[in-house]
Structure formats: C-alpha cells, structure tokens
Amino acid sequence: MKHSSATSVNKRRTSEDESPISTKRQEERPKSKKELRKERKAALKAPAKSDAVDNKRKRADVKDSQDRKRQRREEKRLERKVRKQEKEAALEARFREQDELRKGKLADNKEPETTKQPQSAGDKKKVSKKNDKESSTKKQKRDQTEGESSGDLAVFKSVYNKKSIDPSTGATTCRLGVQYIDKKVGSGPPVKKKSLVTVKYQLRGGSPSGVLLDSSKNFKFRVGKGEVIQGWEIGLEGMQQGGVRHLIVPPKAGYGSKDIGAGSGAMLYFDITLLEIRSHIVHLGR
C-alpha cells in the first residue's frame, strides 16, 4: 500500500510539472546572463552573415558587368579593325584602277616614234617666235593688272589718308576732322604704327587759350594700340622727333559728348612736343 501511494504521488507531481501552468512559469522566469549573451551574439552574427552574402553577391555582379563591358569593348575594337581594313582595301583597289586607267590613256595618247618628224630650222624659228609672243602678252597683262591694283591701292590711300592744307592758317585737316599746325618740324625719325613715343603736352578746352585741363612732361604710349584717343593716333602720324605740333581734336575723334572739364562736346586743343621715339623691336628668345 505504501508503494502504490508513492507512485501515485510521483505521477501527480509529473502531471503538475507538465501542465501548462508550469510551462508558463518557466517562460516567465527571468533569463540568466549567459542566456542573454548567447542571444546577443546570435543577433549580431545573423546580420553579419547576411551582409557577407550580399557583398559576395554584389562583387559577383560587378565582376560579371565588368567582364561584359570588356567583352563589348573587345568586340567593338575588332569591328573597327575589320571596317578599317575593308576601307583600306577598297581605297587601294580604287587607286589601282585609277592608275591603270591613267596608264591606258597615256598609252593611247602617246604617238609612235616612227611618226615623229624632225623639225626644220624654219619651224623652230616659228615656234620660238610664237613662244616669245605669248610670254610678252602674258607679261603685258600681268603688268596691267598690277598697275590697276597699285592704282586702286593708291586711290584708296589717298581717300583714306586724305589731307588738305589751309593756306591762310597753315592748318592741315586729316580724317575725322582732326587738324594740326607744325610750330616746329623735327629732324628725327617720323611716328609710325607700333612706335613707342614719349611726349610733353598741354590740353586746353573750348579754345586755344581756354582753361588748362591737363598736362604732362613725360607721357609714353604706343601708337596704334588704342592707348590714346583717335585724335592723337591720327594727328601725330608723320610727326618727327623734336617737333612741336598744335593739335585740334573734334569731339568725334576725342571723348564724344563726355564732359572732361570744358563742357559736353567741346573742341580740344593740344600743344605736343615729341621728345623721343622708338621703333617697334621684336625681341627673340635666346
């Protein structure tokens, strides 16, 4: 009786342990530190493995794409090479055909040596006279055309660089209405384009005895580079070193309607002394 009662108690205990209440209690039991560490490690390993797999797949995709690109480049290179060879072959065949045609034409036009007859002295004289006549006519035509072109150029220069001198005042009128009077003619080289000149000047506005607007004792500029007004570029042309020139500049060759102290659109009067002139020198590197 005692044995049977013990077995019944054990069965009751096992049944109680296997009951859902006991499993719920086990689930509600707090996890140990060891179990928590295991769970964290497993959680960390899972994304690392997935990342490694993704990276491996990406590397494989990149390699495949690179291989495909390399293959396409190689195919294109081969196609270009084949096209180039075909084009060269076609050009060579065409040139060969043209050479053959040219040789055939030359052979057709070539006269046999047996048909040629030696020229007599009279025939030679006629041929030489004919050649001399043709050369003389060509020379006359060439001289005529050169004369016409030089004449046209001279007319253009005379119109473009037209200057008129007023005998009463001695003033010379140039392009754009610029006027000058040489108070002293220099003895040095004349002013030309690209010359570097040094001048002394005084500027008066409105009249030759008007208000002094500007002056300088040592002003340098290069002719033809647009560093000064058009009136100076036109009026100083041909002036010699050591000369003194009175220059009259209208507004269209000066500052236009701009007021520089003498009123809008006033005439400008310059007294210019050419101190030094240097021709344009090109320095070559050693």
C-alpha atoms as a PDB file:
ATOM      1  CA  MET A   1       0.000   0.000   0.000  1.00  0.00           C
ATOM      2  CA  LYS A   2       2.822   2.321   0.737  1.00  0.00           C
ATOM      3  CA  HIS A   3       4.460   1.678  -2.650  1.00  0.00           C
ATOM      4  CA  SER A   4       1.309   2.349  -4.552  1.00  0.00           C
ATOM      5  CA  SER A   5       0.724   5.602  -2.725  1.00  0.00           C
ATOM      6  CA  ALA A   6       4.285   6.769  -3.533  1.00  0.00           C
ATOM      7  CA  THR A   7       3.900   6.059  -7.214  1.00  0.00           C
ATOM      8  CA  SER A   8       0.616   7.934  -7.249  1.00  0.00           C
ATOM      9  CA  VAL A   9       2.264  10.952  -5.654  1.00  0.00           C
ATOM     10  CA  ASN A  10       5.066  10.903  -8.261  1.00  0.00           C
ATOM     11  CA  LYS A  11       2.566  10.699 -11.111  1.00  0.00           C
ATOM     12  CA  ARG A  12       0.685  13.641  -9.691  1.00  0.00           C
ATOM     13  CA  ARG A  13       3.900  15.641  -9.479  1.00  0.00           C
ATOM     14  CA  THR A  14       4.930  14.847 -13.059  1.00  0.00           C
ATOM     15  CA  SER A  15       1.485  15.721 -14.275  1.00  0.00           C
ATOM     16  CA  GLU A  16       1.694  19.010 -12.411  1.00  0.00           C
ATOM     17  CA  ASP A  17       5.136  19.697 -13.941  1.00  0.00           C
ATOM     18  CA  GLU A  18       3.890  19.009 -17.474  1.00  0.00           C
ATOM     19  CA  SER A  19       0.811  21.132 -17.030  1.00  0.00           C
ATOM     20  CA  PRO A  20       0.566  24.460 -18.956  1.00  0.00           C
ATOM     21  CA  ILE A  21       0.779  26.377 -15.714  1.00  0.00           C
ATOM     22  CA  SER A  22       4.269  25.040 -15.072  1.00  0.00           C
ATOM     23  CA  THR A  23       5.486  25.865 -18.643  1.00  0.00           C
ATOM     24  CA  LYS A  24       4.107  29.360 -18.274  1.00  0.00           C
ATOM     25  CA  ARG A  25       6.043  29.772 -15.070  1.00  0.00           C
ATOM     26  CA  GLN A  26       9.222  28.659 -16.840  1.00  0.00           C
ATOM     27  CA  GLU A  27       8.642  31.172 -19.594  1.00  0.00           C
ATOM     28  CA  GLU A  28       8.070  33.939 -17.083  1.00  0.00           C
ATOM     29  CA  ARG A  29      11.320  33.058 -15.338  1.00  0.00           C
ATOM     30  CA  PRO A  30      13.990  35.780 -15.953  1.00  0.00           C
ATOM     31  CA  LYS A  31      16.855  34.775 -18.265  1.00  0.00           C
ATOM     32  CA  SER A  32      20.323  34.403 -16.937  1.00  0.00           C
ATOM     33  CA  LYS A  33      23.274  36.494 -18.090  1.00  0.00           C
ATOM     34  CA  LYS A  34      24.703  33.589 -20.017  1.00  0.00           C
ATOM     35  CA  GLU A  35      21.489  33.169 -21.967  1.00  0.00           C
ATOM     36  CA  LEU A  36      21.299  36.896 -22.699  1.00  0.00           C
ATOM     37  CA  ARG A  37      24.919  36.894 -24.010  1.00  0.00           C
ATOM     38  CA  LYS A  38      24.128  33.975 -26.290  1.00  0.00           C
ATOM     39  CA  GLU A  39      21.087  35.759 -27.679  1.00  0.00           C
ATOM     40  CA  ARG A  40      23.068  38.962 -28.344  1.00  0.00           C
ATOM     41  CA  LYS A  41      25.837  37.060 -30.118  1.00  0.00           C
ATOM     42  CA  ALA A  42      23.324  35.232 -32.254  1.00  0.00           C
ATOM     43  CA  ALA A  43      21.611  38.549 -33.110  1.00  0.00           C
ATOM     44  CA  LEU A  44      24.957  40.084 -34.120  1.00  0.00           C
ATOM     45  CA  LYS A  45      26.029  37.106 -36.207  1.00  0.00           C
ATOM     46  CA  ALA A  46      22.818  36.962 -38.192  1.00  0.00           C
ATOM     47  CA  PRO A  47      23.150  40.424 -39.950  1.00  0.00           C
ATOM     48  CA  ALA A  48      26.884  39.933 -40.421  1.00  0.00           C
ATOM     49  CA  LYS A  49      26.248  36.705 -42.285  1.00  0.00           C
ATOM     50  CA  SER A  50      23.544  38.335 -44.410  1.00  0.00           C
ATOM     51  CA  ASP A  51      25.855  41.317 -45.173  1.00  0.00           C
ATOM     52  CA  ALA A  52      28.660  38.968 -46.186  1.00  0.00           C
ATOM     53  CA  VAL A  53      26.323  37.117 -48.516  1.00  0.00           C
ATOM     54  CA  ASP A  54      25.075  40.418 -50.023  1.00  0.00           C
ATOM     55  CA  ASN A  55      28.625  41.720 -50.514  1.00  0.00           C
ATOM     56  CA  LYS A  56      29.661  38.487 -52.149  1.00  0.00           C
ATOM     57  CA  ARG A  57      26.670  38.666 -54.473  1.00  0.00           C
ATOM     58  CA  LYS A  58      27.424  42.319 -55.298  1.00  0.00           C
ATOM     59  CA  ARG A  59      31.068  41.544 -56.052  1.00  0.00           C
ATOM     60  CA  ALA A  60      29.995  38.760 -58.343  1.00  0.00           C
ATOM     61  CA  ASP A  61      27.550  41.094 -60.128  1.00  0.00           C
ATOM     62  CA  VAL A  62      30.238  43.787 -60.546  1.00  0.00           C
ATOM     63  CA  LYS A  63      32.687  41.255 -61.917  1.00  0.00           C
ATOM     64  CA  ASP A  64      30.106  39.979 -64.377  1.00  0.00           C
ATOM     65  CA  SER A  65      29.289  43.504 -65.559  1.00  0.00           C
ATOM     66  CA  GLN A  66      32.983  44.319 -65.950  1.00  0.00           C
ATOM     67  CA  ASP A  67      33.509  41.142 -67.954  1.00  0.00           C
ATOM     68  CA  ARG A  68      30.554  42.013 -70.178  1.00  0.00           C
ATOM     69  CA  LYS A  69      31.863  45.566 -70.734  1.00  0.00           C
ATOM     70  CA  ARG A  70      35.332  44.246 -71.522  1.00  0.00           C
ATOM     71  CA  GLN A  71      33.863  41.795 -73.986  1.00  0.00           C
ATOM     72  CA  ARG A  72      31.795  44.517 -75.670  1.00  0.00           C
ATOM     73  CA  ARG A  73      34.856  46.778 -75.956  1.00  0.00           C
ATOM     74  CA  GLU A  74      36.846  43.961 -77.498  1.00  0.00           C
ATOM     75  CA  GLU A  75      34.060  43.238 -79.977  1.00  0.00           C
ATOM     76  CA  LYS A  76      33.829  46.921 -80.956  1.00  0.00           C
ATOM     77  CA  ARG A  77      37.606  47.115 -81.388  1.00  0.00           C
ATOM     78  CA  LEU A  78      37.559  44.095 -83.673  1.00  0.00           C
ATOM     79  CA  GLU A  79      34.661  45.584 -85.673  1.00  0.00           C
ATOM     80  CA  ARG A  80      36.556  48.860 -86.120  1.00  0.00           C
ATOM     81  CA  LYS A  81      39.658  46.990 -87.207  1.00  0.00           C
ATOM     82  CA  VAL A  82      37.693  44.988 -89.776  1.00  0.00           C
ATOM     83  CA  ARG A  83      35.982  48.137 -91.123  1.00  0.00           C
ATOM     84  CA  LYS A  84      39.333  49.906 -91.382  1.00  0.00           C
ATOM     85  CA  GLN A  85      40.858  47.001 -93.278  1.00  0.00           C
ATOM     86  CA  GLU A  86      37.885  46.882 -95.652  1.00  0.00           C
ATOM     87  CA  LYS A  87      38.105  50.632 -96.271  1.00  0.00           C
ATOM     88  CA  GLU A  88      41.846  50.447 -96.923  1.00  0.00           C
ATOM     89  CA  ALA A  89      41.337  47.549 -99.330  1.00  0.00           C
ATOM     90  CA  ALA A  90      38.608  49.477-101.189  1.00  0.00           C
ATOM     91  CA  LEU A  91      40.797  52.586-101.443  1.00  0.00           C
ATOM     92  CA  GLU A  92      43.740  50.530-102.670  1.00  0.00           C
ATOM     93  CA  ALA A  93      41.596  48.882-105.345  1.00  0.00           C
ATOM     94  CA  ARG A  94      40.258  52.276-106.403  1.00  0.00           C
ATOM     95  CA  PHE A  95      43.733  53.786-106.671  1.00  0.00           C
ATOM     96  CA  ARG A  96      44.956  50.782-108.599  1.00  0.00           C
ATOM     97  CA  GLU A  97      42.055  51.123-111.040  1.00  0.00           C
ATOM     98  CA  GLN A  98      42.739  54.839-111.491  1.00  0.00           C
ATOM     99  CA  ASP A  99      46.425  54.155-112.136  1.00  0.00           C
ATOM    100  CA  GLU A 100      45.531  51.554-114.758  1.00  0.00           C
ATOM    101  CA  LEU A 101      43.124  53.963-116.466  1.00  0.00           C
ATOM    102  CA  ARG A 102      45.746  56.725-116.427  1.00  0.00           C
ATOM    103  CA  LYS A 103      48.364  54.409-117.901  1.00  0.00           C
ATOM    104  CA  GLY A 104      45.921  53.318-120.596  1.00  0.00           C
ATOM    105  CA  LYS A 105      45.139  56.914-121.541  1.00  0.00           C
ATOM    106  CA  LEU A 106      48.812  57.781-121.691  1.00  0.00           C
ATOM    107  CA  ALA A 107      49.472  54.796-123.903  1.00  0.00           C
ATOM    108  CA  ASP A 108      46.598  55.825-126.214  1.00  0.00           C
ATOM    109  CA  ASN A 109      47.752  59.442-126.443  1.00  0.00           C
ATOM    110  CA  LYS A 110      51.375  58.538-126.929  1.00  0.00           C
ATOM    111  CA  GLU A 111      52.482  58.901-130.552  1.00  0.00           C
ATOM    112  CA  PRO A 112      54.766  56.274-132.057  1.00  0.00           C
ATOM    113  CA  GLU A 113      58.316  57.329-132.565  1.00  0.00           C
ATOM    114  CA  THR A 114      58.225  56.430-136.250  1.00  0.00           C
ATOM    115  CA  THR A 115      55.579  59.104-136.951  1.00  0.00           C
ATOM    116  CA  LYS A 116      57.642  61.880-135.438  1.00  0.00           C
ATOM    117  CA  GLN A 117      59.469  64.026-137.918  1.00  0.00           C
ATOM    118  CA  PRO A 118      62.460  66.226-137.120  1.00  0.00           C
ATOM    119  CA  GLN A 119      61.678  69.926-137.152  1.00  0.00           C
ATOM    120  CA  SER A 120      63.400  72.133-139.650  1.00  0.00           C
ATOM    121  CA  ALA A 121      65.206  75.371-138.808  1.00  0.00           C
ATOM    122  CA  GLY A 122      62.277  77.425-140.075  1.00  0.00           C
ATOM    123  CA  ASP A 123      59.788  75.526-137.914  1.00  0.00           C
ATOM    124  CA  LYS A 124      61.987  76.020-134.851  1.00  0.00           C
ATOM    125  CA  LYS A 125      62.135  79.772-135.511  1.00  0.00           C
ATOM    126  CA  LYS A 126      58.337  79.930-135.839  1.00  0.00           C
ATOM    127  CA  VAL A 127      57.857  78.051-132.557  1.00  0.00           C
ATOM    128  CA  SER A 128      60.325  80.286-130.708  1.00  0.00           C
ATOM    129  CA  LYS A 129      58.627  83.432-132.124  1.00  0.00           C
ATOM    130  CA  LYS A 130      55.241  82.123-131.034  1.00  0.00           C
ATOM    131  CA  ASN A 131      56.506  81.368-127.521  1.00  0.00           C
ATOM    132  CA  ASP A 132      58.115  84.808-127.254  1.00  0.00           C
ATOM    133  CA  LYS A 133      54.881  86.454-128.356  1.00  0.00           C
ATOM    134  CA  GLU A 134      52.820  84.514-125.800  1.00  0.00           C
ATOM    135  CA  SER A 135      55.251  85.339-122.995  1.00  0.00           C
ATOM    136  CA  SER A 136      55.229  89.037-123.942  1.00  0.00           C
ATOM    137  CA  THR A 137      51.407  89.176-123.967  1.00  0.00           C
ATOM    138  CA  LYS A 138      51.280  87.417-120.580  1.00  0.00           C
ATOM    139  CA  LYS A 139      53.795  89.877-119.175  1.00  0.00           C
ATOM    140  CA  GLN A 140      51.801  92.852-120.503  1.00  0.00           C
ATOM    141  CA  LYS A 141      48.606  91.503-118.935  1.00  0.00           C
ATOM    142  CA  ARG A 142      50.362  90.909-115.615  1.00  0.00           C
ATOM    143  CA  ASP A 143      51.881  94.405-115.626  1.00  0.00           C
ATOM    144  CA  GLN A 144      48.472  95.860-116.487  1.00  0.00           C
ATOM    145  CA  THR A 145      46.721  94.056-113.627  1.00  0.00           C
ATOM    146  CA  GLU A 146      49.496  95.014-111.206  1.00  0.00           C
ATOM    147  CA  GLY A 147      49.254  98.611-112.362  1.00  0.00           C
ATOM    148  CA  GLU A 148      45.497  98.618-111.874  1.00  0.00           C
ATOM    149  CA  SER A 149      45.779  97.098-108.408  1.00  0.00           C
ATOM    150  CA  SER A 150      48.513  99.527-107.402  1.00  0.00           C
ATOM    151  CA  GLY A 151      46.426 102.378-108.806  1.00  0.00           C
ATOM    152  CA  ASP A 152      43.381 101.238-106.810  1.00  0.00           C
ATOM    153  CA  LEU A 153      45.540 100.996-103.693  1.00  0.00           C
ATOM    154  CA  ALA A 154      46.918 104.460-104.282  1.00  0.00           C
ATOM    155  CA  VAL A 155      43.383 105.841-104.732  1.00  0.00           C
ATOM    156  CA  PHE A 156      42.256 104.126-101.537  1.00  0.00           C
ATOM    157  CA  LYS A 157      45.220 105.509 -99.609  1.00  0.00           C
ATOM    158  CA  SER A 158      44.662 108.962-100.996  1.00  0.00           C
ATOM    159  CA  VAL A 159      40.989 108.870 -99.996  1.00  0.00           C
ATOM    160  CA  TYR A 160      41.587 107.259 -96.611  1.00  0.00           C
ATOM    161  CA  ASN A 161      44.621 109.379 -95.711  1.00  0.00           C
ATOM    162  CA  LYS A 162      43.321 112.479 -97.439  1.00  0.00           C
ATOM    163  CA  LYS A 163      44.822 115.674 -96.040  1.00  0.00           C
ATOM    164  CA  SER A 164      44.034 119.212 -97.020  1.00  0.00           C
ATOM    165  CA  ILE A 165      46.080 122.288 -96.086  1.00  0.00           C
ATOM    166  CA  ASP A 166      44.518 125.669 -95.444  1.00  0.00           C
ATOM    167  CA  PRO A 167      46.989 128.238 -96.849  1.00  0.00           C
ATOM    168  CA  SER A 168      45.576 131.073 -94.743  1.00  0.00           C
ATOM    169  CA  THR A 169      46.083 129.359 -91.355  1.00  0.00           C
ATOM    170  CA  GLY A 170      48.592 126.656 -92.332  1.00  0.00           C
ATOM    171  CA  ALA A 171      46.415 124.013 -90.657  1.00  0.00           C
ATOM    172  CA  THR A 172      46.350 120.503 -92.111  1.00  0.00           C
ATOM    173  CA  THR A 173      42.991 118.690 -91.922  1.00  0.00           C
ATOM    174  CA  CYS A 174      43.043 114.874 -91.593  1.00  0.00           C
ATOM    175  CA  ARG A 175      40.464 112.137 -91.054  1.00  0.00           C
ATOM    176  CA  LEU A 176      37.522 112.735 -88.689  1.00  0.00           C
ATOM    177  CA  GLY A 177      38.186 116.483 -88.867  1.00  0.00           C
ATOM    178  CA  VAL A 178      41.447 116.375 -86.895  1.00  0.00           C
ATOM    179  CA  GLN A 179      43.663 119.405 -87.608  1.00  0.00           C
ATOM    180  CA  TYR A 180      47.279 120.193 -86.765  1.00  0.00           C
ATOM    181  CA  ILE A 181      49.770 123.018 -87.219  1.00  0.00           C
ATOM    182  CA  ASP A 182      53.505 122.304 -87.055  1.00  0.00           C
ATOM    183  CA  LYS A 183      55.080 125.034 -84.935  1.00  0.00           C
ATOM    184  CA  LYS A 184      58.448 123.316 -85.236  1.00  0.00           C
ATOM    185  CA  VAL A 185      59.391 120.498 -87.601  1.00  0.00           C
ATOM    186  CA  GLY A 186      61.629 117.881 -86.030  1.00  0.00           C
ATOM    187  CA  SER A 187      64.682 116.247 -87.549  1.00  0.00           C
ATOM    188  CA  GLY A 188      64.420 112.727 -86.165  1.00  0.00           C
ATOM    189  CA  PRO A 189      62.511 109.652 -87.356  1.00  0.00           C
ATOM    190  CA  PRO A 190      58.758 110.030 -88.000  1.00  0.00           C
ATOM    191  CA  VAL A 191      55.972 108.498 -85.953  1.00  0.00           C
ATOM    192  CA  LYS A 192      54.656 105.197 -87.344  1.00  0.00           C
ATOM    193  CA  LYS A 193      52.389 102.433 -86.127  1.00  0.00           C
ATOM    194  CA  LYS A 194      53.705 100.410 -83.158  1.00  0.00           C
ATOM    195  CA  SER A 195      56.210 103.167 -82.331  1.00  0.00           C
ATOM    196  CA  LEU A 196      56.808 103.857 -78.639  1.00  0.00           C
ATOM    197  CA  VAL A 197      56.774 107.646 -78.230  1.00  0.00           C
ATOM    198  CA  THR A 198      57.441 109.993 -75.343  1.00  0.00           C
ATOM    199  CA  VAL A 199      55.747 113.403 -75.472  1.00  0.00           C
ATOM    200  CA  LYS A 200      55.191 116.549 -73.443  1.00  0.00           C
ATOM    201  CA  TYR A 201      51.763 118.118 -73.837  1.00  0.00           C
ATOM    202  CA  GLN A 202      49.217 120.626 -72.567  1.00  0.00           C
ATOM    203  CA  LEU A 203      45.458 120.307 -73.055  1.00  0.00           C
ATOM    204  CA  ARG A 204      43.078 123.260 -73.201  1.00  0.00           C
ATOM    205  CA  GLY A 205      39.335 123.087 -73.808  1.00  0.00           C
ATOM    206  CA  GLY A 206      36.956 125.300 -75.788  1.00  0.00           C
ATOM    207  CA  SER A 207      39.664 127.494 -77.381  1.00  0.00           C
ATOM    208  CA  PRO A 208      43.458 127.605 -77.772  1.00  0.00           C
ATOM    209  CA  SER A 209      43.616 129.999 -74.820  1.00  0.00           C
ATOM    210  CA  GLY A 210      40.982 128.200 -72.747  1.00  0.00           C
ATOM    211  CA  VAL A 211      41.245 126.591 -69.334  1.00  0.00           C
ATOM    212  CA  LEU A 212      44.210 124.247 -68.855  1.00  0.00           C
ATOM    213  CA  LEU A 213      42.620 120.833 -68.348  1.00  0.00           C
ATOM    214  CA  ASP A 214      45.609 118.500 -68.322  1.00  0.00           C
ATOM    215  CA  SER A 215      49.365 118.428 -68.875  1.00  0.00           C
ATOM    216  CA  SER A 216      52.335 116.105 -68.651  1.00  0.00           C
ATOM    217  CA  LYS A 217      56.102 116.422 -69.138  1.00  0.00           C
ATOM    218  CA  ASN A 218      56.795 112.746 -69.770  1.00  0.00           C
ATOM    219  CA  PHE A 219      53.916 110.752 -71.246  1.00  0.00           C
ATOM    220  CA  LYS A 220      54.614 107.448 -73.041  1.00  0.00           C
ATOM    221  CA  PHE A 221      52.313 105.387 -75.243  1.00  0.00           C
ATOM    222  CA  ARG A 222      52.477 103.038 -78.220  1.00  0.00           C
ATOM    223  CA  VAL A 223      50.924 104.228 -81.463  1.00  0.00           C
ATOM    224  CA  GLY A 224      48.163 102.091 -82.984  1.00  0.00           C
ATOM    225  CA  LYS A 225      47.325 100.166 -79.802  1.00  0.00           C
ATOM    226  CA  GLY A 226      44.294 102.211 -78.723  1.00  0.00           C
ATOM    227  CA  GLU A 227      46.068 103.607 -75.651  1.00  0.00           C
ATOM    228  CA  VAL A 228      45.116 107.198 -76.535  1.00  0.00           C
ATOM    229  CA  ILE A 229      42.194 108.925 -78.275  1.00  0.00           C
ATOM    230  CA  GLN A 230      41.783 108.698 -82.060  1.00  0.00           C
ATOM    231  CA  GLY A 231      42.716 112.329 -82.472  1.00  0.00           C
ATOM    232  CA  TRP A 232      46.231 111.597 -81.203  1.00  0.00           C
ATOM    233  CA  GLU A 233      46.559 108.442 -83.351  1.00  0.00           C
ATOM    234  CA  ILE A 234      45.632 110.481 -86.465  1.00  0.00           C
ATOM    235  CA  GLY A 235      47.228 113.830 -85.602  1.00  0.00           C
ATOM    236  CA  LEU A 236      50.664 112.564 -84.513  1.00  0.00           C
ATOM    237  CA  GLU A 237      51.184 110.406 -87.603  1.00  0.00           C
ATOM    238  CA  GLY A 238      54.267 111.582 -89.500  1.00  0.00           C
ATOM    239  CA  MET A 239      55.470 113.881 -86.713  1.00  0.00           C
ATOM    240  CA  GLN A 240      59.272 113.813 -86.303  1.00  0.00           C
ATOM    241  CA  GLN A 241      61.310 113.609 -83.141  1.00  0.00           C
ATOM    242  CA  GLY A 242      62.000 117.075 -81.704  1.00  0.00           C
ATOM    243  CA  GLY A 243      58.974 118.613 -83.392  1.00  0.00           C
ATOM    244  CA  VAL A 244      56.251 120.734 -81.784  1.00  0.00           C
ATOM    245  CA  ARG A 245      52.676 120.410 -83.045  1.00  0.00           C
ATOM    246  CA  HIS A 246      49.423 122.222 -82.201  1.00  0.00           C
ATOM    247  CA  LEU A 247      46.639 119.636 -82.441  1.00  0.00           C
ATOM    248  CA  ILE A 248      42.903 120.402 -82.711  1.00  0.00           C
ATOM    249  CA  VAL A 249      40.654 117.418 -81.966  1.00  0.00           C
ATOM    250  CA  PRO A 250      36.862 117.472 -82.575  1.00  0.00           C
ATOM    251  CA  PRO A 251      34.517 115.512 -80.248  1.00  0.00           C
ATOM    252  CA  LYS A 252      34.078 112.554 -82.632  1.00  0.00           C
ATOM    253  CA  ALA A 253      37.856 111.944 -82.550  1.00  0.00           C
ATOM    254  CA  GLY A 254      38.139 112.725 -78.841  1.00  0.00           C
ATOM    255  CA  TYR A 255      35.790 111.988 -75.951  1.00  0.00           C
ATOM    256  CA  GLY A 256      32.470 112.435 -77.757  1.00  0.00           C
ATOM    257  CA  SER A 257      29.758 114.061 -75.687  1.00  0.00           C
ATOM    258  CA  LYS A 258      31.616 113.343 -72.440  1.00  0.00           C
ATOM    259  CA  ASP A 259      32.443 116.433 -70.350  1.00  0.00           C
ATOM    260  CA  ILE A 260      36.093 116.407 -69.214  1.00  0.00           C
ATOM    261  CA  GLY A 261      36.016 119.983 -67.885  1.00  0.00           C
ATOM    262  CA  ALA A 262      35.363 122.118 -70.948  1.00  0.00           C
ATOM    263  CA  GLY A 263      31.696 121.255 -71.463  1.00  0.00           C
ATOM    264  CA  SER A 264      29.946 118.470 -73.318  1.00  0.00           C
ATOM    265  CA  GLY A 265      31.238 118.000 -76.889  1.00  0.00           C
ATOM    266  CA  ALA A 266      33.878 120.738 -76.641  1.00  0.00           C
ATOM    267  CA  MET A 267      36.829 121.066 -79.026  1.00  0.00           C
ATOM    268  CA  LEU A 268      40.170 120.029 -77.561  1.00  0.00           C
ATOM    269  CA  TYR A 269      43.438 121.907 -78.194  1.00  0.00           C
ATOM    270  CA  PHE A 270      46.760 120.169 -77.556  1.00  0.00           C
ATOM    271  CA  ASP A 271      50.297 121.554 -77.684  1.00  0.00           C
ATOM    272  CA  ILE A 272      52.508 118.466 -78.124  1.00  0.00           C
ATOM    273  CA  THR A 273      56.300 118.182 -78.154  1.00  0.00           C
ATOM    274  CA  LEU A 274      57.729 114.863 -79.368  1.00  0.00           C
ATOM    275  CA  LEU A 275      60.636 114.094 -77.047  1.00  0.00           C
ATOM    276  CA  GLU A 276      61.580 110.564 -78.068  1.00  0.00           C
ATOM    277  CA  ILE A 277      60.509 107.861 -80.495  1.00  0.00           C
ATOM    278  CA  ARG A 278      61.426 104.196 -80.602  1.00  0.00           C
ATOM    279  CA  SER A 279      60.564 101.831 -83.417  1.00  0.00           C
ATOM    280  CA  HIS A 280      58.821  98.507 -82.694  1.00  0.00           C
ATOM    281  CA  ILE A 281      61.523  95.930 -81.854  1.00  0.00           C
ATOM    282  CA  VAL A 282      60.807  92.229 -81.611  1.00  0.00           C
ATOM    283  CA  HIS A 283      62.998  90.535 -79.003  1.00  0.00           C
ATOM    284  CA  LEU A 284      63.856  86.962 -79.944  1.00  0.00           C
ATOM    285  CA  GLY A 285      64.483  84.423 -77.218  1.00  0.00           C
ATOM    286  CA  ARG A 286      67.991  83.071 -76.891  1.00  0.00           C
END
